[in-house]
């Protein structure tokens, strides 16, 4: 009996962590790309957008998880329909993990040699191609 509960708890934990990690990956990479490309020296310079997104990321990174989880109870109920259980835990885990992963991905993207970006621009690449074919492949090991 205890072994069944242990196995079920392990599977629930793996499901919560796996789903929230996948969603954080899918949301964090675009967020990191926007932060890098809209920053100073980026290919889509937008200082206001960069400050707003940077502040958003810093805000959610600085809030302790338990406080964030309690603050997200109404949002979790809206999304999942309940405030407890495996799927209810995915919502705050995802919201807490996305900014952390976005910063990690941002650091990896910023480490890409600027000469590669300049070379792609000199060859006439569009900005989207620079992101897709230069920035993301070069930053993949760090991400």
Protein backbone atom coordinates (compact mmCIF):
# COMPACT_ATOMS: atom_id res chain seq x y z
CA UNK A 1 0.00 0.00 0.00
CA UNK A 2 2.74 2.49 0.89
CA UNK A 3 4.67 1.50 -2.24
CA UNK A 4 1.67 2.36 -4.44
CA UNK A 5 1.36 5.78 -2.83
CA UNK A 6 5.10 6.36 -3.18
CA UNK A 7 4.96 5.42 -6.86
CA UNK A 8 1.92 7.64 -7.44
CA UNK A 9 3.59 10.55 -5.66
CA UNK A 10 6.73 10.10 -7.73
CA UNK A 11 4.74 10.02 -10.97
CA UNK A 12 2.76 13.11 -9.92
CA UNK A 13 5.98 14.95 -9.11
CA UNK A 14 7.55 14.01 -12.43
CA UNK A 15 4.41 15.13 -14.25
CA UNK A 16 4.30 18.49 -12.44
CA UNK A 17 7.98 19.19 -12.99
CA UNK A 18 7.99 17.92 -16.58
CA UNK A 19 4.96 19.88 -17.74
CA UNK A 20 6.00 23.09 -15.98
CA UNK A 21 9.55 22.75 -17.32
CA UNK A 22 8.31 22.27 -20.87
CA UNK A 23 6.01 25.28 -20.66
CA UNK A 24 8.77 27.37 -19.04
CA UNK A 25 11.07 26.39 -21.91
CA UNK A 26 8.47 27.31 -24.52
CA UNK A 27 7.78 30.68 -22.85
CA UNK A 28 11.29 31.45 -21.61
CA UNK A 29 13.17 31.21 -24.90
CA UNK A 30 10.97 33.76 -26.73
CA UNK A 31 11.10 36.02 -23.67
CA UNK A 32 14.91 35.79 -23.64
CA UNK A 33 15.09 36.47 -27.38
CA UNK A 34 12.95 39.59 -26.96
CA UNK A 35 15.10 40.75 -24.04
CA UNK A 36 18.31 40.29 -26.03
CA UNK A 37 17.12 41.72 -29.33
CA UNK A 38 15.36 44.72 -27.79
CA UNK A 39 18.29 45.67 -25.56
CA UNK A 40 21.11 48.10 -26.25
CA UNK A 41 22.96 46.98 -29.35
CA UNK A 42 20.24 44.46 -30.23
CA UNK A 43 18.81 44.02 -33.69
CA UNK A 44 15.36 45.29 -32.63
CA UNK A 45 16.32 48.07 -30.23
CA UNK A 46 13.31 48.99 -28.10
CA UNK A 47 14.51 50.37 -24.76
CA UNK A 48 11.04 50.84 -23.30
CA UNK A 49 9.98 47.27 -24.08
CA UNK A 50 13.29 45.99 -22.77
CA UNK A 51 12.90 47.85 -19.46
CA UNK A 52 9.31 46.65 -19.04
CA UNK A 53 10.13 43.00 -19.74
CA UNK A 54 13.30 43.19 -17.63
CA UNK A 55 11.28 44.60 -14.74
CA UNK A 56 8.64 41.89 -15.18
CA UNK A 57 11.30 39.17 -15.10
CA UNK A 58 13.04 40.70 -12.09
CA UNK A 59 9.74 41.08 -10.23
CA UNK A 60 8.76 37.44 -10.61
CA UNK A 61 12.29 36.23 -9.83
CA UNK A 62 12.34 38.16 -6.58
CA UNK A 63 9.02 36.92 -5.18
CA UNK A 64 9.38 33.83 -2.96
CA UNK A 65 7.59 30.80 -4.39
CA UNK A 66 5.14 30.30 -1.52
CA UNK A 67 3.99 33.91 -1.69
CA UNK A 68 3.66 33.65 -5.48
CA UNK A 69 1.71 30.41 -5.14
CA UNK A 70 -0.76 31.97 -2.72
CA UNK A 71 -1.09 35.11 -4.84
CA UNK A 72 -1.84 32.97 -7.89
CA UNK A 73 -4.70 31.02 -6.28
CA UNK A 74 -7.45 32.92 -8.16
CA UNK A 75 -5.53 32.69 -11.45
CA UNK A 76 -4.90 28.98 -10.90
CA UNK A 77 -8.60 28.41 -10.21
CA UNK A 78 -9.45 30.31 -13.40
CA UNK A 79 -7.02 28.28 -15.54
CA UNK A 80 -7.36 24.80 -14.04
CA UNK A 81 -10.66 24.96 -12.17
CA UNK A 82 -9.18 23.93 -8.83
CA UNK A 83 -6.53 25.15 -6.42
CA UNK A 84 -5.06 21.82 -5.37
CA UNK A 85 -3.73 18.79 -7.11
CA UNK A 86 -1.15 18.03 -9.74
CA UNK A 87 -2.45 20.36 -12.44
CA UNK A 88 -3.05 23.20 -10.01
CA UNK A 89 0.61 23.03 -9.02
CA UNK A 90 1.74 23.33 -12.64
CA UNK A 91 0.48 26.93 -12.94
CA UNK A 92 2.58 28.53 -10.16
CA UNK A 93 5.55 26.29 -10.96
CA UNK A 94 5.47 27.46 -14.57
CA UNK A 95 5.08 31.12 -13.66
CA UNK A 96 7.94 30.85 -11.16
CA UNK A 97 10.26 28.92 -13.50
CA UNK A 98 9.77 30.95 -16.68
CA UNK A 99 11.61 34.13 -15.55
CA UNK A 100 14.50 32.09 -14.14
CA UNK A 101 14.88 30.15 -17.36
CA UNK A 102 14.49 33.33 -19.43
CA UNK A 103 17.46 34.89 -17.62
CA UNK A 104 19.57 31.77 -18.19
CA UNK A 105 18.68 31.76 -21.87
CA UNK A 106 19.28 35.53 -22.07
CA UNK A 107 22.82 35.11 -20.72
CA UNK A 108 23.49 32.37 -23.28
CA UNK A 109 22.12 34.51 -26.10
CA UNK A 110 24.20 37.52 -25.02
CA UNK A 111 27.34 35.37 -25.12
CA UNK A 112 26.94 34.81 -28.87
CA UNK A 113 29.79 36.60 -30.64
CA UNK A 114 28.56 39.93 -31.98
CA UNK A 115 30.81 39.40 -35.01
CA UNK A 116 28.56 36.53 -36.13
CA UNK A 117 25.53 38.81 -36.00
CA UNK A 118 27.37 41.51 -37.91
CA UNK A 119 28.48 38.98 -40.52
CA UNK A 120 24.89 37.80 -40.99
CA UNK A 121 23.74 41.41 -41.33
CA UNK A 122 26.51 42.06 -43.87
CA UNK A 123 25.29 39.09 -45.92
CA UNK A 124 21.83 40.65 -45.99
CA UNK A 125 20.05 38.30 -43.59
CA UNK A 126 16.73 39.43 -42.24
CA UNK A 127 16.50 39.97 -38.52
CA UNK A 128 14.29 36.91 -38.06
CA UNK A 129 16.87 34.76 -39.88
CA UNK A 130 19.60 36.12 -37.64
CA UNK A 131 17.60 35.08 -34.59
CA UNK A 132 16.65 31.66 -35.97
CA UNK A 133 19.88 30.71 -37.76
CA UNK A 134 22.59 32.52 -35.78
CA UNK A 135 21.52 33.43 -32.24
CA UNK A 136 19.54 30.33 -31.25
CA UNK A 137 21.92 27.70 -32.70
CA UNK A 138 24.98 29.42 -31.24
CA UNK A 139 23.34 29.76 -27.80
CA UNK A 140 21.93 26.23 -27.73
CA UNK A 141 24.78 24.67 -25.67
CA UNK A 142 24.31 27.27 -22.91
CA UNK A 143 20.57 26.95 -22.94
